[in-house]
Amino acid sequence: MWSFEPSRRTSRALGVAAIAGLSLLLGGCYTRTEEQWYDNGVLRSRGPVLAWSGLRHGEWIFQHANGEPKERGAYAQGYRVGVWTQWYPDGQLRARGERIPDPASGSSPRHGPWVYWHENGIPAARGIYERGLSEGVWERTLDDGGLDGDRSGVHHQGELLGFPVAGAPKDDQE
């Protein structure tokens, strides 16, 4: 009578294959790390991708050619999700806010509060996005910190309605 007694190595391989297959079947996160490099040898980007689709999935970091961080955030099945942070090449903070997936458009628009900074570290703009369009009161400043009255005001569906925020000069007052 014949019997099959799998070796330890075979059992482990079958177990890993079964787990990976189940993970794929259930839409799991069996991932591999992907890296890209600049010609000067500096890491350009690093993060996990889903092994079965190649879609980015998990925490990613992008760097400038000088090695300083450029952008950091997470992906979920190819869409940017959660809080994303961006930096200038000198390491100064550039922007921070949240992104959400929009499968209908295939994009990941900004959504919720966002803050932007000038290269000198002074806040440049703050406001709220609604599925990628500026909404509500937006306050924008010049690089010296003064209020930019021409670009600050109430926004609706990405358009400036022209109502200045408190402290901004009005067009009819000179």
N, C-alpha and C. Protein backbone atom coordinates (compact mmCIF):
# COMPACT_ATOMS: atom_id res chain seq x y z
N MET A 1 0.83 -1.16 0.00
CA MET A 1 0.00 0.00 0.00
C MET A 1 0.88 1.24 0.00
N TRP A 2 0.49 2.18 -0.82
CA TRP A 2 1.26 3.41 -0.94
C TRP A 2 0.69 4.46 0.00
N SER A 3 1.58 5.23 0.56
CA SER A 3 1.14 6.38 1.35
C SER A 3 2.02 7.57 1.00
N PHE A 4 1.46 8.71 1.10
CA PHE A 4 2.21 9.93 0.79
C PHE A 4 2.41 10.71 2.08
N GLU A 5 3.64 10.90 2.42
CA GLU A 5 4.00 11.64 3.62
C GLU A 5 4.77 12.88 3.15
N PRO A 6 4.14 14.05 3.02
CA PRO A 6 4.85 15.21 2.50
C PRO A 6 6.00 15.63 3.42
N SER A 7 7.07 16.06 2.79
CA SER A 7 8.22 16.53 3.57
C SER A 7 7.85 17.86 4.24
N ARG A 8 8.66 18.24 5.17
CA ARG A 8 8.44 19.51 5.88
C ARG A 8 8.48 20.68 4.88
N ARG A 9 9.44 20.62 3.94
CA ARG A 9 9.60 21.67 2.94
C ARG A 9 8.36 21.74 2.05
N THR A 10 7.85 20.61 1.60
CA THR A 10 6.65 20.57 0.76
C THR A 10 5.45 21.12 1.51
N SER A 11 5.30 20.73 2.76
CA SER A 11 4.18 21.22 3.57
C SER A 11 4.22 22.74 3.70
N ARG A 12 5.42 23.26 3.97
CA ARG A 12 5.57 24.70 4.13
C ARG A 12 5.22 25.41 2.81
N ALA A 13 5.72 24.89 1.69
CA ALA A 13 5.45 25.50 0.39
C ALA A 13 3.96 25.46 0.07
N LEU A 14 3.32 24.32 0.33
CA LEU A 14 1.89 24.21 0.08
C LEU A 14 1.10 25.14 0.99
N GLY A 15 1.53 25.24 2.23
CA GLY A 15 0.86 26.13 3.18
C GLY A 15 0.96 27.58 2.75
N VAL A 16 2.15 28.01 2.32
CA VAL A 16 2.34 29.39 1.86
C VAL A 16 1.50 29.64 0.61
N ALA A 17 1.51 28.68 -0.32
CA ALA A 17 0.72 28.84 -1.54
C ALA A 17 -0.76 28.93 -1.21
N ALA A 18 -1.22 28.11 -0.27
CA ALA A 18 -2.63 28.14 0.12
C ALA A 18 -2.97 29.47 0.77
N ILE A 19 -2.10 29.95 1.64
CA ILE A 19 -2.36 31.24 2.30
C ILE A 19 -2.37 32.36 1.28
N ALA A 20 -1.40 32.37 0.37
CA ALA A 20 -1.35 33.41 -0.65
C ALA A 20 -2.58 33.35 -1.54
N GLY A 21 -2.99 32.13 -1.92
CA GLY A 21 -4.18 31.98 -2.75
C GLY A 21 -5.43 32.45 -2.05
N LEU A 22 -5.57 32.12 -0.77
CA LEU A 22 -6.72 32.56 0.01
C LEU A 22 -6.70 34.07 0.15
N SER A 23 -5.51 34.61 0.38
CA SER A 23 -5.37 36.06 0.52
C SER A 23 -5.82 36.75 -0.77
N LEU A 24 -5.40 36.21 -1.91
CA LEU A 24 -5.80 36.80 -3.18
C LEU A 24 -7.29 36.64 -3.41
N LEU A 25 -7.80 35.47 -3.08
CA LEU A 25 -9.22 35.20 -3.25
C LEU A 25 -10.07 36.16 -2.43
N LEU A 26 -9.63 36.47 -1.23
CA LEU A 26 -10.38 37.36 -0.36
C LEU A 26 -10.01 38.83 -0.54
N GLY A 27 -9.19 39.15 -1.53
CA GLY A 27 -8.78 40.53 -1.77
C GLY A 27 -7.76 41.01 -0.75
N GLY A 28 -6.97 40.09 -0.24
CA GLY A 28 -6.00 40.41 0.80
C GLY A 28 -4.82 41.21 0.28
N CYS A 29 -3.81 41.31 1.12
CA CYS A 29 -2.68 42.20 0.86
C CYS A 29 -1.37 41.47 0.73
N TYR A 30 -1.28 40.47 -0.08
CA TYR A 30 -0.01 39.81 -0.32
C TYR A 30 0.81 40.78 -1.17
N THR A 31 1.87 41.36 -0.58
CA THR A 31 2.60 42.43 -1.25
C THR A 31 4.07 42.11 -1.45
N ARG A 32 4.68 42.88 -2.32
CA ARG A 32 6.13 42.89 -2.51
C ARG A 32 6.56 44.35 -2.52
N THR A 33 7.80 44.64 -2.20
CA THR A 33 8.29 46.01 -2.17
C THR A 33 8.81 46.43 -3.54
N GLU A 34 8.43 47.62 -3.95
CA GLU A 34 8.91 48.18 -5.21
C GLU A 34 9.76 49.40 -4.89
N GLU A 35 10.90 49.52 -5.59
CA GLU A 35 11.79 50.67 -5.41
C GLU A 35 12.18 51.23 -6.77
N GLN A 36 12.35 52.55 -6.81
CA GLN A 36 12.88 53.22 -7.99
C GLN A 36 14.02 54.12 -7.52
N TRP A 37 15.04 54.27 -8.38
CA TRP A 37 16.25 55.01 -8.01
C TRP A 37 16.55 56.08 -9.04
N TYR A 38 17.10 57.21 -8.58
CA TYR A 38 17.62 58.24 -9.49
C TYR A 38 18.94 57.75 -10.08
N ASP A 39 19.37 58.37 -11.18
CA ASP A 39 20.64 58.01 -11.80
C ASP A 39 21.82 58.23 -10.86
N ASN A 40 21.67 59.17 -9.90
CA ASN A 40 22.76 59.45 -8.96
C ASN A 40 22.81 58.46 -7.80
N GLY A 41 21.96 57.43 -7.83
CA GLY A 41 21.97 56.40 -6.79
C GLY A 41 21.08 56.67 -5.61
N VAL A 42 20.40 57.80 -5.59
CA VAL A 42 19.49 58.13 -4.49
C VAL A 42 18.13 57.48 -4.74
N LEU A 43 17.55 56.96 -3.66
CA LEU A 43 16.24 56.34 -3.76
C LEU A 43 15.19 57.37 -4.19
N ARG A 44 14.41 57.04 -5.21
CA ARG A 44 13.35 57.93 -5.70
C ARG A 44 12.02 57.62 -5.01
N SER A 45 11.69 56.33 -4.89
CA SER A 45 10.44 55.93 -4.24
C SER A 45 10.55 54.50 -3.73
N ARG A 46 9.77 54.23 -2.68
CA ARG A 46 9.74 52.88 -2.12
C ARG A 46 8.39 52.64 -1.48
N GLY A 47 7.86 51.44 -1.73
CA GLY A 47 6.61 51.07 -1.09
C GLY A 47 6.11 49.73 -1.57
N PRO A 48 5.10 49.20 -0.89
CA PRO A 48 4.56 47.89 -1.27
C PRO A 48 3.56 47.98 -2.42
N VAL A 49 3.56 46.92 -3.22
CA VAL A 49 2.55 46.77 -4.28
C VAL A 49 1.90 45.40 -4.09
N LEU A 50 0.66 45.30 -4.49
CA LEU A 50 -0.02 44.01 -4.43
C LEU A 50 0.62 43.07 -5.44
N ALA A 51 1.03 41.91 -4.99
CA ALA A 51 1.76 40.98 -5.85
C ALA A 51 0.93 40.54 -7.05
N TRP A 52 -0.36 40.39 -6.87
CA TRP A 52 -1.19 39.85 -7.95
C TRP A 52 -1.61 40.90 -8.97
N SER A 53 -1.59 42.21 -8.61
CA SER A 53 -2.05 43.23 -9.55
C SER A 53 -1.00 44.30 -9.85
N GLY A 54 0.01 44.43 -8.99
CA GLY A 54 1.01 45.47 -9.17
C GLY A 54 0.54 46.84 -8.69
N LEU A 55 -0.66 46.92 -8.11
CA LEU A 55 -1.17 48.20 -7.60
C LEU A 55 -0.48 48.57 -6.29
N ARG A 56 -0.19 49.85 -6.13
CA ARG A 56 0.40 50.32 -4.87
C ARG A 56 -0.60 50.11 -3.74
N HIS A 57 -0.06 49.62 -2.60
CA HIS A 57 -0.94 49.31 -1.47
C HIS A 57 -0.11 49.34 -0.19
N GLY A 58 -0.30 50.38 0.60
CA GLY A 58 0.47 50.54 1.83
C GLY A 58 1.21 51.87 1.84
N GLU A 59 2.07 52.05 2.83
CA GLU A 59 2.82 53.30 3.03
C GLU A 59 3.91 53.47 1.97
N TRP A 60 3.92 54.64 1.30
CA TRP A 60 4.92 54.95 0.28
C TRP A 60 5.69 56.20 0.67
N ILE A 61 6.96 56.24 0.27
CA ILE A 61 7.80 57.43 0.45
C ILE A 61 8.41 57.76 -0.91
N PHE A 62 8.40 59.06 -1.25
CA PHE A 62 9.01 59.57 -2.46
C PHE A 62 10.06 60.58 -2.03
N GLN A 63 11.20 60.62 -2.72
CA GLN A 63 12.28 61.52 -2.33
C GLN A 63 12.71 62.38 -3.51
N HIS A 64 13.26 63.56 -3.18
CA HIS A 64 13.89 64.41 -4.18
C HIS A 64 15.24 63.79 -4.55
N ALA A 65 15.82 64.24 -5.65
CA ALA A 65 17.10 63.71 -6.12
C ALA A 65 18.23 63.96 -5.12
N ASN A 66 18.04 64.93 -4.20
CA ASN A 66 19.07 65.19 -3.19
C ASN A 66 18.90 64.31 -1.95
N GLY A 67 17.91 63.42 -1.95
CA GLY A 67 17.69 62.50 -0.84
C GLY A 67 16.70 62.99 0.20
N GLU A 68 16.29 64.26 0.12
CA GLU A 68 15.29 64.79 1.06
C GLU A 68 13.92 64.23 0.71
N PRO A 69 13.06 64.02 1.71
CA PRO A 69 11.71 63.52 1.41
C PRO A 69 10.94 64.49 0.52
N LYS A 70 10.17 63.95 -0.39
CA LYS A 70 9.34 64.74 -1.30
C LYS A 70 7.86 64.59 -0.95
N GLU A 71 7.46 63.34 -0.71
CA GLU A 71 6.05 63.07 -0.44
C GLU A 71 5.93 61.75 0.30
N ARG A 72 4.96 61.69 1.21
CA ARG A 72 4.72 60.45 1.96
C ARG A 72 3.23 60.29 2.20
N GLY A 73 2.77 59.05 2.03
CA GLY A 73 1.37 58.75 2.27
C GLY A 73 1.08 57.30 1.96
N ALA A 74 -0.17 56.93 2.03
CA ALA A 74 -0.56 55.53 1.84
C ALA A 74 -1.43 55.37 0.60
N TYR A 75 -1.35 54.17 0.06
CA TYR A 75 -2.21 53.75 -1.05
C TYR A 75 -3.08 52.60 -0.58
N ALA A 76 -4.26 52.49 -1.17
CA ALA A 76 -5.12 51.33 -0.98
C ALA A 76 -5.58 50.89 -2.37
N GLN A 77 -5.08 49.76 -2.81
CA GLN A 77 -5.37 49.21 -4.12
C GLN A 77 -5.23 50.25 -5.24
N GLY A 78 -4.12 50.98 -5.20
CA GLY A 78 -3.78 51.93 -6.26
C GLY A 78 -4.26 53.35 -6.04
N TYR A 79 -5.09 53.59 -5.05
CA TYR A 79 -5.60 54.93 -4.76
C TYR A 79 -4.88 55.54 -3.57
N ARG A 80 -4.56 56.84 -3.67
CA ARG A 80 -4.00 57.55 -2.52
C ARG A 80 -5.11 57.71 -1.48
N VAL A 81 -4.79 57.37 -0.24
CA VAL A 81 -5.78 57.48 0.83
C VAL A 81 -5.13 58.04 2.09
N GLY A 82 -5.96 58.65 2.93
CA GLY A 82 -5.46 59.14 4.21
C GLY A 82 -4.63 60.41 4.06
N VAL A 83 -3.86 60.70 5.09
CA VAL A 83 -3.06 61.93 5.14
C VAL A 83 -1.82 61.79 4.27
N TRP A 84 -1.59 62.80 3.42
CA TRP A 84 -0.40 62.89 2.58
C TRP A 84 0.36 64.15 2.97
N THR A 85 1.67 64.04 3.01
CA THR A 85 2.54 65.16 3.36
C THR A 85 3.55 65.35 2.24
N GLN A 86 3.81 66.63 1.89
CA GLN A 86 4.79 66.96 0.84
C GLN A 86 5.82 67.93 1.41
N TRP A 87 7.05 67.84 0.88
CA TRP A 87 8.14 68.71 1.29
C TRP A 87 8.82 69.34 0.09
N TYR A 88 9.43 70.51 0.31
CA TYR A 88 10.30 71.14 -0.69
C TYR A 88 11.65 70.41 -0.69
N PRO A 89 12.49 70.62 -1.74
CA PRO A 89 13.78 69.92 -1.80
C PRO A 89 14.71 70.21 -0.61
N ASP A 90 14.52 71.34 0.06
CA ASP A 90 15.38 71.66 1.21
C ASP A 90 14.86 71.04 2.51
N GLY A 91 13.76 70.28 2.45
CA GLY A 91 13.22 69.63 3.62
C GLY A 91 12.09 70.39 4.30
N GLN A 92 11.85 71.63 3.85
CA GLN A 92 10.77 72.45 4.42
C GLN A 92 9.41 71.87 4.02
N LEU A 93 8.48 71.85 4.96
CA LEU A 93 7.13 71.35 4.72
C LEU A 93 6.45 72.16 3.61
N ARG A 94 5.77 71.47 2.69
CA ARG A 94 5.10 72.13 1.56
C ARG A 94 3.58 72.04 1.65
N ALA A 95 3.04 70.86 2.00
CA ALA A 95 1.58 70.68 2.06
C ALA A 95 1.24 69.46 2.89
N ARG A 96 0.04 69.51 3.49
CA ARG A 96 -0.45 68.34 4.24
C ARG A 96 -1.97 68.34 4.18
N GLY A 97 -2.52 67.16 3.89
CA GLY A 97 -3.96 67.01 3.86
C GLY A 97 -4.34 65.60 3.49
N GLU A 98 -5.63 65.37 3.39
CA GLU A 98 -6.14 64.02 3.17
C GLU A 98 -6.60 63.81 1.73
N ARG A 99 -6.47 62.57 1.29
CA ARG A 99 -6.97 62.15 -0.02
C ARG A 99 -7.93 60.99 0.17
N ILE A 100 -8.88 60.89 -0.75
CA ILE A 100 -9.84 59.79 -0.72
C ILE A 100 -9.90 59.13 -2.09
N PRO A 101 -10.24 57.86 -2.15
CA PRO A 101 -10.34 57.20 -3.45
C PRO A 101 -11.64 57.59 -4.16
N ASP A 102 -11.55 57.74 -5.48
CA ASP A 102 -12.73 57.99 -6.30
C ASP A 102 -12.69 57.04 -7.49
N PRO A 103 -13.15 55.81 -7.30
CA PRO A 103 -13.08 54.81 -8.36
C PRO A 103 -13.78 55.24 -9.65
N ALA A 104 -14.82 56.05 -9.55
CA ALA A 104 -15.55 56.49 -10.75
C ALA A 104 -14.65 57.27 -11.69
N SER A 105 -13.77 58.11 -11.13
CA SER A 105 -12.87 58.92 -11.97
C SER A 105 -11.49 58.29 -12.08
N GLY A 106 -11.21 57.28 -11.25
CA GLY A 106 -9.90 56.66 -11.26
C GLY A 106 -8.83 57.52 -10.60
N SER A 107 -9.25 58.47 -9.77
CA SER A 107 -8.29 59.38 -9.13
C SER A 107 -8.43 59.35 -7.61
N SER A 108 -7.59 60.13 -6.96
CA SER A 108 -7.61 60.25 -5.50
C SER A 108 -7.61 61.73 -5.14
N PRO A 109 -8.76 62.39 -5.22
CA PRO A 109 -8.80 63.83 -5.00
C PRO A 109 -8.52 64.22 -3.54
N ARG A 110 -8.07 65.48 -3.39
CA ARG A 110 -7.92 66.04 -2.05
C ARG A 110 -9.32 66.16 -1.45
N HIS A 111 -9.40 65.91 -0.14
CA HIS A 111 -10.70 65.98 0.52
C HIS A 111 -10.48 66.33 1.98
N GLY A 112 -11.23 67.30 2.46
CA GLY A 112 -11.08 67.74 3.84
C GLY A 112 -10.08 68.88 3.94
N PRO A 113 -9.62 69.19 5.16
CA PRO A 113 -8.71 70.32 5.36
C PRO A 113 -7.33 70.07 4.76
N TRP A 114 -6.81 71.10 4.10
CA TRP A 114 -5.44 71.09 3.58
C TRP A 114 -4.74 72.36 4.00
N VAL A 115 -3.43 72.25 4.24
CA VAL A 115 -2.60 73.40 4.57
C VAL A 115 -1.39 73.36 3.66
N TYR A 116 -1.02 74.54 3.13
CA TYR A 116 0.14 74.69 2.27
C TYR A 116 1.08 75.71 2.90
N TRP A 117 2.40 75.55 2.65
CA TRP A 117 3.39 76.48 3.16
C TRP A 117 4.24 77.02 2.01
N HIS A 118 4.71 78.28 2.17
CA HIS A 118 5.72 78.84 1.27
C HIS A 118 7.05 78.17 1.57
N GLU A 119 8.01 78.31 0.66
CA GLU A 119 9.34 77.72 0.89
C GLU A 119 10.03 78.28 2.13
N ASN A 120 9.66 79.49 2.53
CA ASN A 120 10.29 80.09 3.71
C ASN A 120 9.64 79.64 5.02
N GLY A 121 8.66 78.73 4.95
CA GLY A 121 8.04 78.18 6.15
C GLY A 121 6.77 78.89 6.60
N ILE A 122 6.44 80.02 5.99
CA ILE A 122 5.22 80.75 6.34
C ILE A 122 4.02 80.06 5.68
N PRO A 123 2.92 79.88 6.44
CA PRO A 123 1.73 79.26 5.83
C PRO A 123 1.29 80.03 4.57
N ALA A 124 1.01 79.30 3.50
CA ALA A 124 0.63 79.91 2.22
C ALA A 124 -0.87 79.86 1.99
N ALA A 125 -1.52 78.80 2.41
CA ALA A 125 -2.97 78.67 2.20
C ALA A 125 -3.52 77.60 3.13
N ARG A 126 -4.78 77.80 3.49
CA ARG A 126 -5.49 76.78 4.26
C ARG A 126 -6.95 76.85 3.88
N GLY A 127 -7.52 75.66 3.75
CA GLY A 127 -8.93 75.59 3.39
C GLY A 127 -9.37 74.15 3.28
N ILE A 128 -10.57 73.97 2.77
CA ILE A 128 -11.17 72.63 2.70
C ILE A 128 -11.47 72.27 1.25
N TYR A 129 -11.19 71.02 0.93
CA TYR A 129 -11.55 70.47 -0.37
C TYR A 129 -12.74 69.53 -0.19
N GLU A 130 -13.61 69.54 -1.17
CA GLU A 130 -14.72 68.60 -1.24
C GLU A 130 -14.54 67.83 -2.55
N ARG A 131 -14.04 66.61 -2.44
CA ARG A 131 -13.75 65.77 -3.61
C ARG A 131 -12.94 66.51 -4.68
N GLY A 132 -11.88 67.17 -4.23
CA GLY A 132 -10.93 67.81 -5.15
C GLY A 132 -11.22 69.26 -5.48
N LEU A 133 -12.36 69.80 -5.06
CA LEU A 133 -12.71 71.19 -5.35
C LEU A 133 -12.68 72.01 -4.07
N SER A 134 -12.09 73.21 -4.14
CA SER A 134 -12.05 74.07 -2.96
C SER A 134 -13.46 74.48 -2.57
N GLU A 135 -13.71 74.46 -1.26
CA GLU A 135 -15.06 74.71 -0.74
C GLU A 135 -14.93 75.54 0.53
N GLY A 136 -15.84 76.47 0.73
CA GLY A 136 -15.83 77.26 1.96
C GLY A 136 -14.76 78.35 1.95
N VAL A 137 -14.41 78.80 3.14
CA VAL A 137 -13.45 79.90 3.27
C VAL A 137 -12.03 79.39 3.08
N TRP A 138 -11.31 80.04 2.17
CA TRP A 138 -9.89 79.78 1.95
C TRP A 138 -9.12 81.04 2.30
N GLU A 139 -8.08 80.86 3.09
CA GLU A 139 -7.20 81.97 3.45
C GLU A 139 -5.85 81.74 2.80
N ARG A 140 -5.44 82.68 1.98
CA ARG A 140 -4.15 82.58 1.30
C ARG A 140 -3.29 83.76 1.71
N THR A 141 -1.99 83.49 1.87
CA THR A 141 -1.07 84.55 2.28
C THR A 141 0.04 84.72 1.26
N LEU A 142 0.64 85.89 1.30
CA LEU A 142 1.83 86.17 0.50
C LEU A 142 3.03 85.56 1.23
N ASP A 143 4.18 85.49 0.55
CA ASP A 143 5.33 84.85 1.20
C ASP A 143 5.89 85.64 2.38
N ASP A 144 5.42 86.89 2.57
CA ASP A 144 5.82 87.65 3.76
C ASP A 144 4.83 87.48 4.91
N GLY A 145 3.79 86.68 4.70
CA GLY A 145 2.81 86.42 5.74
C GLY A 145 1.56 87.28 5.65
N GLY A 146 1.59 88.32 4.81
CA GLY A 146 0.42 89.18 4.63
C GLY A 146 -0.70 88.47 3.89
N LEU A 147 -1.93 88.83 4.18
CA LEU A 147 -3.09 88.22 3.55
C LEU A 147 -3.15 88.55 2.07
N ASP A 148 -3.37 87.57 1.23
CA ASP A 148 -3.54 87.76 -0.21
C ASP A 148 -5.03 87.97 -0.47
N GLY A 149 -5.45 89.22 -0.47
CA GLY A 149 -6.86 89.56 -0.62
C GLY A 149 -7.46 89.20 -1.96
N ASP A 150 -6.64 89.07 -2.99
CA ASP A 150 -7.15 88.73 -4.32
C ASP A 150 -7.50 87.25 -4.44
N ARG A 151 -6.88 86.41 -3.63
CA ARG A 151 -7.10 84.96 -3.75
C ARG A 151 -7.76 84.35 -2.53
N SER A 152 -7.95 85.12 -1.47
CA SER A 152 -8.63 84.63 -0.27
C SER A 152 -10.12 84.89 -0.40
N GLY A 153 -10.91 84.03 0.20
CA GLY A 153 -12.35 84.25 0.18
C GLY A 153 -13.13 82.96 0.19
N VAL A 154 -14.40 83.08 -0.08
CA VAL A 154 -15.30 81.93 -0.07
C VAL A 154 -15.26 81.24 -1.43
N HIS A 155 -15.10 79.94 -1.39
CA HIS A 155 -15.06 79.12 -2.61
C HIS A 155 -16.27 78.20 -2.63
N HIS A 156 -16.72 77.91 -3.85
CA HIS A 156 -17.77 76.91 -4.03
C HIS A 156 -17.47 76.14 -5.30
N GLN A 157 -17.39 74.82 -5.17
CA GLN A 157 -17.08 73.93 -6.29
C GLN A 157 -15.85 74.38 -7.06
N GLY A 158 -14.82 74.80 -6.30
CA GLY A 158 -13.54 75.16 -6.90
C GLY A 158 -13.44 76.59 -7.40
N GLU A 159 -14.50 77.35 -7.33
CA GLU A 159 -14.49 78.73 -7.83
C GLU A 159 -14.50 79.73 -6.68
N LEU A 160 -13.66 80.76 -6.78
CA LEU A 160 -13.67 81.85 -5.81
C LEU A 160 -14.89 82.72 -6.10
N LEU A 161 -15.76 82.86 -5.10
CA LEU A 161 -16.98 83.65 -5.29
C LEU A 161 -16.73 85.14 -5.16
N GLY A 162 -15.57 85.51 -4.66
CA GLY A 162 -15.22 86.93 -4.59
C GLY A 162 -15.56 87.62 -3.29
N PHE A 163 -16.03 86.86 -2.30
CA PHE A 163 -16.33 87.46 -1.01
C PHE A 163 -15.08 87.39 -0.16
N PRO A 164 -14.45 88.51 0.10
CA PRO A 164 -13.19 88.47 0.85
C PRO A 164 -13.41 88.04 2.30
N VAL A 165 -12.37 87.44 2.87
CA VAL A 165 -12.40 87.07 4.29
C VAL A 165 -12.11 88.30 5.12
N ALA A 166 -12.41 88.24 6.40
CA ALA A 166 -12.20 89.38 7.30
C ALA A 166 -10.76 89.85 7.21
N GLY A 167 -10.59 91.14 7.07
CA GLY A 167 -9.25 91.73 7.00
C GLY A 167 -8.72 91.91 5.60
N ALA A 168 -9.36 91.31 4.61
CA ALA A 168 -8.89 91.46 3.24
C ALA A 168 -9.52 92.71 2.62
N PRO A 169 -8.76 93.46 1.84
CA PRO A 169 -9.33 94.65 1.21
C PRO A 169 -10.42 94.28 0.20
N LYS A 170 -11.49 95.05 0.15
CA LYS A 170 -12.57 94.81 -0.80
C LYS A 170 -12.27 95.62 -2.07
N ASP A 171 -12.73 95.11 -3.19
CA ASP A 171 -12.45 95.75 -4.49
C ASP A 171 -13.00 97.18 -4.54
N ASP A 172 -14.15 97.45 -3.91
CA ASP A 172 -14.76 98.77 -4.02
C ASP A 172 -14.21 99.76 -2.99
N GLN A 173 -13.27 99.33 -2.18
CA GLN A 173 -12.66 100.22 -1.19
C GLN A 173 -11.21 100.44 -1.55
N GLU A 174 -10.88 101.67 -1.89
CA GLU A 174 -9.49 101.95 -2.22
C GLU A 174 -9.02 103.16 -1.52
